């Protein structure tokens, strides 16, 4: 049953001037029995909420989908208390009543479960495609060259590629060269060099500015 009869219904103009579908709770007659709807009618009567009504959210505002064509709210004293959605009008009112009992936590009316079709806040306008909103775009990528230019001058050094480091020739082994140099004899084989006595006999010629070399006998 789509709740097509629903006693006490009528079309009223909303604040925006659009005609809205509204039903007084005390006169509403559901086509399908829902314990929550019957209990809410008794609750509003005992608390003298005489103006309580079920109001359909306007489909022109986007409140309709193929699987949930009805969005209904409970309005008391000109304020919306809760909302529900469903395949039928009675099903949406059932969800709105269960959400209302979850809010007021009335004595004796605390055994009504809520689900994703029950709203204690104004539901968002559904996406007609049934898709979630797209994720935000990623931050713009910064190129490596631009990132390097933005560094301070002391940090702009670019290390050489790893392949260049691997192709560099190995350093010479200085330990072998030092050992060979230490073990080699002096030039001339030790016989043709000058002795300490010859060095001592060499002296300056004060008059000619030349060198006079004398040899020991």
C-alpha atoms as a PDB file:
ATOM      1  CA  UNK A   1       0.000   0.000   0.000  1.00  0.00           C
ATOM      2  CA  UNK A   2       1.346   3.393  -0.925  1.00  0.00           C
ATOM      3  CA  UNK A   3      -0.762   5.205   1.654  1.00  0.00           C
ATOM      4  CA  UNK A   4      -2.819   6.874  -1.051  1.00  0.00           C
ATOM      5  CA  UNK A   5      -5.866   7.469   1.137  1.00  0.00           C
ATOM      6  CA  UNK A   6      -4.314   8.821   4.351  1.00  0.00           C
ATOM      7  CA  UNK A   7      -7.145  10.724   5.983  1.00  0.00           C
ATOM      8  CA  UNK A   8      -6.696  14.276   7.129  1.00  0.00           C
ATOM      9  CA  UNK A   9      -4.441  15.176   4.234  1.00  0.00           C
ATOM     10  CA  UNK A  10      -4.304  18.260   2.111  1.00  0.00           C
ATOM     11  CA  UNK A  11      -2.075  20.562   0.156  1.00  0.00           C
ATOM     12  CA  UNK A  12      -0.878  23.722   1.883  1.00  0.00           C
ATOM     13  CA  UNK A  13       1.418  26.450   0.689  1.00  0.00           C
ATOM     14  CA  UNK A  14       4.847  26.510   2.260  1.00  0.00           C
ATOM     15  CA  UNK A  15       6.774  29.660   3.190  1.00  0.00           C
ATOM     16  CA  UNK A  16       8.354  29.630  -0.277  1.00  0.00           C
ATOM     17  CA  UNK A  17       4.891  29.638  -1.893  1.00  0.00           C
ATOM     18  CA  UNK A  18       5.144  26.036  -3.089  1.00  0.00           C
ATOM     19  CA  UNK A  19       2.198  23.776  -2.281  1.00  0.00           C
ATOM     20  CA  UNK A  20       3.254  20.994   0.110  1.00  0.00           C
ATOM     21  CA  UNK A  21       1.671  17.696   0.985  1.00  0.00           C
ATOM     22  CA  UNK A  22       0.659  17.749   4.683  1.00  0.00           C
ATOM     23  CA  UNK A  23      -1.402  15.464   6.977  1.00  0.00           C
ATOM     24  CA  UNK A  24      -2.567  16.105  10.546  1.00  0.00           C
ATOM     25  CA  UNK A  25      -1.396  13.324  12.832  1.00  0.00           C
ATOM     26  CA  UNK A  26      -4.714  13.152  14.707  1.00  0.00           C
ATOM     27  CA  UNK A  27      -6.642  12.536  11.453  1.00  0.00           C
ATOM     28  CA  UNK A  28      -4.149  10.466   9.497  1.00  0.00           C
ATOM     29  CA  UNK A  29      -5.265   6.942   8.562  1.00  0.00           C
ATOM     30  CA  UNK A  30      -2.437   4.780   7.265  1.00  0.00           C
ATOM     31  CA  UNK A  31      -3.039   2.096   4.644  1.00  0.00           C
ATOM     32  CA  UNK A  32      -0.413  -0.124   6.247  1.00  0.00           C
ATOM     33  CA  UNK A  33      -0.213  -0.778   9.967  1.00  0.00           C
ATOM     34  CA  UNK A  34       2.927   0.459  11.731  1.00  0.00           C
ATOM     35  CA  UNK A  35       3.115   0.286  15.519  1.00  0.00           C
ATOM     36  CA  UNK A  36       5.267   3.414  15.635  1.00  0.00           C
ATOM     37  CA  UNK A  37       2.671   5.481  13.717  1.00  0.00           C
ATOM     38  CA  UNK A  38      -0.151   4.329  15.993  1.00  0.00           C
ATOM     39  CA  UNK A  39       1.937   4.995  19.114  1.00  0.00           C
ATOM     40  CA  UNK A  40       2.895   8.460  17.920  1.00  0.00           C
ATOM     41  CA  UNK A  41      -0.747   9.346  17.331  1.00  0.00           C
ATOM     42  CA  UNK A  42      -1.525   8.379  20.953  1.00  0.00           C
ATOM     43  CA  UNK A  43       1.526  10.279  22.214  1.00  0.00           C
ATOM     44  CA  UNK A  44       0.575  13.527  20.476  1.00  0.00           C
ATOM     45  CA  UNK A  45      -3.038  13.201  21.658  1.00  0.00           C
ATOM     46  CA  UNK A  46      -2.072  12.679  25.305  1.00  0.00           C
ATOM     47  CA  UNK A  47       0.276  15.687  25.161  1.00  0.00           C
ATOM     48  CA  UNK A  48      -2.280  17.795  23.273  1.00  0.00           C
ATOM     49  CA  UNK A  49      -0.028  18.359  20.290  1.00  0.00           C
ATOM     50  CA  UNK A  50      -3.054  19.157  18.175  1.00  0.00           C
ATOM     51  CA  UNK A  51      -1.160  20.756  15.304  1.00  0.00           C
ATOM     52  CA  UNK A  52       1.298  17.865  14.828  1.00  0.00           C
ATOM     53  CA  UNK A  53       1.430  16.873  11.175  1.00  0.00           C
ATOM     54  CA  UNK A  54       3.275  14.764   8.639  1.00  0.00           C
ATOM     55  CA  UNK A  55       4.752  16.869   5.825  1.00  0.00           C
ATOM     56  CA  UNK A  56       6.292  15.557   2.635  1.00  0.00           C
ATOM     57  CA  UNK A  57       9.589  17.113   1.623  1.00  0.00           C
ATOM     58  CA  UNK A  58       9.134  18.563  -1.885  1.00  0.00           C
ATOM     59  CA  UNK A  59      10.315  16.278  -4.699  1.00  0.00           C
ATOM     60  CA  UNK A  60      11.051  19.451  -6.683  1.00  0.00           C
ATOM     61  CA  UNK A  61      13.888  20.129  -4.215  1.00  0.00           C
ATOM     62  CA  UNK A  62      15.433  16.759  -5.027  1.00  0.00           C
ATOM     63  CA  UNK A  63      13.943  14.722  -2.176  1.00  0.00           C
ATOM     64  CA  UNK A  64      13.102  11.645  -4.194  1.00  0.00           C
ATOM     65  CA  UNK A  65      15.038   8.664  -5.516  1.00  0.00           C
ATOM     66  CA  UNK A  66      13.870   5.577  -7.410  1.00  0.00           C
ATOM     67  CA  UNK A  67      14.134   3.370  -4.300  1.00  0.00           C
ATOM     68  CA  UNK A  68      13.090   6.049  -1.765  1.00  0.00           C
ATOM     69  CA  UNK A  69      10.511   8.300  -3.446  1.00  0.00           C
ATOM     70  CA  UNK A  70       9.023   9.556  -0.145  1.00  0.00           C
ATOM     71  CA  UNK A  71      10.696  11.866   2.378  1.00  0.00           C
ATOM     72  CA  UNK A  72       8.385  12.810   5.276  1.00  0.00           C
ATOM     73  CA  UNK A  73       8.912  15.058   8.308  1.00  0.00           C
ATOM     74  CA  UNK A  74       7.041  15.446  11.594  1.00  0.00           C
ATOM     75  CA  UNK A  75       6.182  19.096  12.208  1.00  0.00           C
ATOM     76  CA  UNK A  76       5.012  20.369  15.612  1.00  0.00           C
ATOM     77  CA  UNK A  77       4.483  24.046  16.409  1.00  0.00           C
ATOM     78  CA  UNK A  78       5.867  25.018  13.016  1.00  0.00           C
ATOM     79  CA  UNK A  79       9.182  23.228  13.646  1.00  0.00           C
ATOM     80  CA  UNK A  80      10.348  19.961  12.072  1.00  0.00           C
ATOM     81  CA  UNK A  81      11.187  17.368  14.733  1.00  0.00           C
ATOM     82  CA  UNK A  82      12.339  14.370  12.735  1.00  0.00           C
ATOM     83  CA  UNK A  83      12.408  12.931   9.234  1.00  0.00           C
ATOM     84  CA  UNK A  84      12.020   9.571   7.490  1.00  0.00           C
ATOM     85  CA  UNK A  85      12.231   8.154   3.995  1.00  0.00           C
ATOM     86  CA  UNK A  86      10.768   5.069   2.373  1.00  0.00           C
ATOM     87  CA  UNK A  87       9.273   3.324  -0.640  1.00  0.00           C
ATOM     88  CA  UNK A  88       5.780   4.372   0.451  1.00  0.00           C
ATOM     89  CA  UNK A  89       4.398   7.335   2.351  1.00  0.00           C
ATOM     90  CA  UNK A  90       3.439   5.143   5.300  1.00  0.00           C
ATOM     91  CA  UNK A  91       6.927   3.626   5.339  1.00  0.00           C
ATOM     92  CA  UNK A  92       8.530   7.091   5.414  1.00  0.00           C
ATOM     93  CA  UNK A  93       6.174   8.218   8.235  1.00  0.00           C
ATOM     94  CA  UNK A  94       7.071   5.069  10.193  1.00  0.00           C
ATOM     95  CA  UNK A  95      10.788   6.027   9.956  1.00  0.00           C
ATOM     96  CA  UNK A  96      10.032   9.624  11.010  1.00  0.00           C
ATOM     97  CA  UNK A  97       8.031   8.423  14.048  1.00  0.00           C
ATOM     98  CA  UNK A  98      10.803   6.081  15.179  1.00  0.00           C
ATOM     99  CA  UNK A  99      13.324   8.932  14.875  1.00  0.00           C
ATOM    100  CA  UNK A 100      11.004  11.180  16.933  1.00  0.00           C
ATOM    101  CA  UNK A 101      10.768   8.616  19.743  1.00  0.00           C
ATOM    102  CA  UNK A 102      14.571   8.303  19.720  1.00  0.00           C
ATOM    103  CA  UNK A 103      14.742  12.072  20.307  1.00  0.00           C
ATOM    104  CA  UNK A 104      12.110  12.532  23.000  1.00  0.00           C
ATOM    105  CA  UNK A 105      12.831   9.219  24.784  1.00  0.00           C
ATOM    106  CA  UNK A 106       9.234   9.212  26.014  1.00  0.00           C
ATOM    107  CA  UNK A 107       8.286   6.885  28.852  1.00  0.00           C
ATOM    108  CA  UNK A 108       6.870   3.687  27.416  1.00  0.00           C
ATOM    109  CA  UNK A 109       8.022   4.473  23.866  1.00  0.00           C
ATOM    110  CA  UNK A 110      11.690   3.510  24.012  1.00  0.00           C
ATOM    111  CA  UNK A 111      11.561   0.215  22.121  1.00  0.00           C
ATOM    112  CA  UNK A 112      11.628   1.603  18.586  1.00  0.00           C
ATOM    113  CA  UNK A 113      14.794   0.936  16.603  1.00  0.00           C
ATOM    114  CA  UNK A 114      16.220   3.406  14.126  1.00  0.00           C
ATOM    115  CA  UNK A 115      18.060   2.723  10.879  1.00  0.00           C
ATOM    116  CA  UNK A 116      19.565   4.594   7.948  1.00  0.00           C
ATOM    117  CA  UNK A 117      16.104   5.773   6.844  1.00  0.00           C
ATOM    118  CA  UNK A 118      15.458   7.573  10.163  1.00  0.00           C
ATOM    119  CA  UNK A 119      16.797  11.115  10.590  1.00  0.00           C
ATOM    120  CA  UNK A 120      16.992  13.302  13.680  1.00  0.00           C
ATOM    121  CA  UNK A 121      18.506  16.106  11.563  1.00  0.00           C
ATOM    122  CA  UNK A 122      17.507  17.476   8.190  1.00  0.00           C
ATOM    123  CA  UNK A 123      18.555  14.858   5.625  1.00  0.00           C
ATOM    124  CA  UNK A 124      20.795  15.980   2.761  1.00  0.00           C
ATOM    125  CA  UNK A 125      19.378  16.207  -0.728  1.00  0.00           C
ATOM    126  CA  UNK A 126      20.065  12.795  -2.291  1.00  0.00           C
ATOM    127  CA  UNK A 127      22.245  12.445  -5.366  1.00  0.00           C
ATOM    128  CA  UNK A 128      19.913  11.416  -8.228  1.00  0.00           C
ATOM    129  CA  UNK A 129      22.596   9.089  -9.563  1.00  0.00           C
ATOM    130  CA  UNK A 130      22.971   7.380  -6.206  1.00  0.00           C
ATOM    131  CA  UNK A 131      26.728   8.033  -6.222  1.00  0.00           C
ATOM    132  CA  UNK A 132      28.810   9.431  -3.372  1.00  0.00           C
ATOM    133  CA  UNK A 133      30.339  12.877  -3.913  1.00  0.00           C
ATOM    134  CA  UNK A 134      33.656  12.810  -5.769  1.00  0.00           C
ATOM    135  CA  UNK A 135      36.823  13.004  -3.660  1.00  0.00           C
ATOM    136  CA  UNK A 136      38.651  16.339  -3.502  1.00  0.00           C
ATOM    137  CA  UNK A 137      41.363  16.810  -6.147  1.00  0.00           C
ATOM    138  CA  UNK A 138      44.931  15.991  -5.077  1.00  0.00           C
ATOM    139  CA  UNK A 139      47.312  18.871  -4.332  1.00  0.00           C
ATOM    140  CA  UNK A 140      49.327  20.109  -7.336  1.00  0.00           C
ATOM    141  CA  UNK A 141      52.566  18.211  -7.841  1.00  0.00           C
ATOM    142  CA  UNK A 142      55.820  20.145  -7.419  1.00  0.00           C
ATOM    143  CA  UNK A 143      58.491  19.266  -9.978  1.00  0.00           C
ATOM    144  CA  UNK A 144      61.918  18.237  -8.732  1.00  0.00           C
ATOM    145  CA  UNK A 145      63.609  21.155 -10.530  1.00  0.00           C
ATOM    146  CA  UNK A 146      61.174  23.672  -9.028  1.00  0.00           C
ATOM    147  CA  UNK A 147      61.621  22.149  -5.588  1.00  0.00           C
ATOM    148  CA  UNK A 148      65.419  22.402  -5.907  1.00  0.00           C
ATOM    149  CA  UNK A 149      65.237  26.071  -6.938  1.00  0.00           C
ATOM    150  CA  UNK A 150      63.122  26.848  -3.916  1.00  0.00           C
ATOM    151  CA  UNK A 151      65.847  25.620  -1.552  1.00  0.00           C
ATOM    152  CA  UNK A 152      68.385  28.002   0.014  1.00  0.00           C
ATOM    153  CA  UNK A 153      71.647  28.323  -1.978  1.00  0.00           C
ATOM    154  CA  UNK A 154      73.501  26.207   0.592  1.00  0.00           C
ATOM    155  CA  UNK A 155      71.125  23.280  -0.053  1.00  0.00           C
ATOM    156  CA  UNK A 156      71.013  23.366  -3.843  1.00  0.00           C
ATOM    157  CA  UNK A 157      73.848  20.823  -4.311  1.00  0.00           C
ATOM    158  CA  UNK A 158      72.773  18.040  -6.610  1.00  0.00           C
ATOM    159  CA  UNK A 159      74.621  14.773  -5.962  1.00  0.00           C
ATOM    160  CA  UNK A 160      76.027  12.984  -9.056  1.00  0.00           C
ATOM    161  CA  UNK A 161      74.118  10.004 -10.378  1.00  0.00           C
ATOM    162  CA  UNK A 162      74.814   6.684  -8.761  1.00  0.00           C
ATOM    163  CA  UNK A 163      75.983   5.214 -12.080  1.00  0.00           C
ATOM    164  CA  UNK A 164      78.698   7.876 -12.356  1.00  0.00           C
ATOM    165  CA  UNK A 165      79.972   7.041  -8.899  1.00  0.00           C
ATOM    166  CA  UNK A 166      80.154   3.370  -9.754  1.00  0.00           C
ATOM    167  CA  UNK A 167      82.146   4.024 -12.963  1.00  0.00           C
ATOM    168  CA  UNK A 168      84.865   6.141 -11.290  1.00  0.00           C
ATOM    169  CA  UNK A 169      88.387   4.519 -11.360  1.00  0.00           C
ATOM    170  CA  UNK A 170      89.639   3.085  -8.081  1.00  0.00           C
ATOM    171  CA  UNK A 171      92.074   5.121  -6.020  1.00  0.00           C
ATOM    172  CA  UNK A 172      95.795   4.006  -6.252  1.00  0.00           C
ATOM    173  CA  UNK A 173      97.267   1.948  -3.441  1.00  0.00           C
ATOM    174  CA  UNK A 174      99.747   4.397  -1.901  1.00  0.00           C
ATOM    175  CA  UNK A 175     100.995   1.885   0.670  1.00  0.00           C
ATOM    176  CA  UNK A 176     102.802  -0.196  -1.982  1.00  0.00           C
ATOM    177  CA  UNK A 177     104.374   2.850  -3.587  1.00  0.00           C
ATOM    178  CA  UNK A 178     105.642   4.107  -0.212  1.00  0.00           C
ATOM    179  CA  UNK A 179     107.155   0.721   0.645  1.00  0.00           C
ATOM    180  CA  UNK A 180     108.927   0.480  -2.737  1.00  0.00           C
ATOM    181  CA  UNK A 181     110.348   3.984  -2.387  1.00  0.00           C
ATOM    182  CA  UNK A 182     111.720   3.242   1.075  1.00  0.00           C
ATOM    183  CA  UNK A 183     113.508   0.052  -0.064  1.00  0.00           C
ATOM    184  CA  UNK A 184     115.095   1.453  -3.285  1.00  0.00           C
ATOM    185  CA  UNK A 185     118.892   2.373  -3.144  1.00  0.00           C
ATOM    186  CA  UNK A 186     119.969   5.988  -3.603  1.00  0.00           C
ATOM    187  CA  UNK A 187     120.870   7.212  -7.070  1.00  0.00           C
ATOM    188  CA  UNK A 188     124.294   6.045  -8.297  1.00  0.00           C
ATOM    189  CA  UNK A 189     124.257   2.801  -6.375  1.00  0.00           C
ATOM    190  CA  UNK A 190     126.043   4.374  -3.366  1.00  0.00           C
ATOM    191  CA  UNK A 191     129.492   4.794  -5.150  1.00  0.00           C
ATOM    192  CA  UNK A 192     129.112   7.796  -7.349  1.00  0.00           C
ATOM    193  CA  UNK A 193     127.498  10.096  -4.772  1.00  0.00           C
ATOM    194  CA  UNK A 194     129.228  12.743  -2.733  1.00  0.00           C
ATOM    195  CA  UNK A 195     130.410  11.998   0.782  1.00  0.00           C
ATOM    196  CA  UNK A 196     129.881  14.148   3.840  1.00  0.00           C
ATOM    197  CA  UNK A 197     133.536  15.285   3.643  1.00  0.00           C
ATOM    198  CA  UNK A 198     133.057  16.593   0.128  1.00  0.00           C
ATOM    199  CA  UNK A 199     130.021  18.543   1.251  1.00  0.00           C
ATOM    200  CA  UNK A 200     131.965  20.088   4.088  1.00  0.00           C
ATOM    201  CA  UNK A 201     134.881  21.118   1.778  1.00  0.00           C
ATOM    202  CA  UNK A 202     132.580  23.033  -0.530  1.00  0.00           C
ATOM    203  CA  UNK A 203     132.670  26.739   0.246  1.00  0.00           C
ATOM    204  CA  UNK A 204     131.860  30.032  -1.260  1.00  0.00           C
ATOM    205  CA  UNK A 205     134.489  32.022  -3.181  1.00  0.00           C
ATOM    206  CA  UNK A 206     134.134  35.474  -1.711  1.00  0.00           C
ATOM    207  CA  UNK A 207     135.792  37.330  -4.616  1.00  0.00           C
ATOM    208  CA  UNK A 208     134.462  35.577  -7.684  1.00  0.00           C
ATOM    209  CA  UNK A 209     131.049  34.705  -6.317  1.00  0.00           C
ATOM    210  CA  UNK A 210     131.511  31.150  -7.639  1.00  0.00           C
ATOM    211  CA  UNK A 211     131.902  27.860  -5.925  1.00  0.00           C
ATOM    212  CA  UNK A 212     135.289  26.260  -5.233  1.00  0.00           C
ATOM    213  CA  UNK A 213     135.191  22.538  -4.671  1.00  0.00           C
ATOM    214  CA  UNK A 214     138.123  20.858  -2.945  1.00  0.00           C
ATOM    215  CA  UNK A 215     138.577  17.184  -2.548  1.00  0.00           C
ATOM    216  CA  UNK A 216     140.098  15.456   0.397  1.00  0.00           C
ATOM    217  CA  UNK A 217     143.194  13.502  -0.302  1.00  0.00           C
END
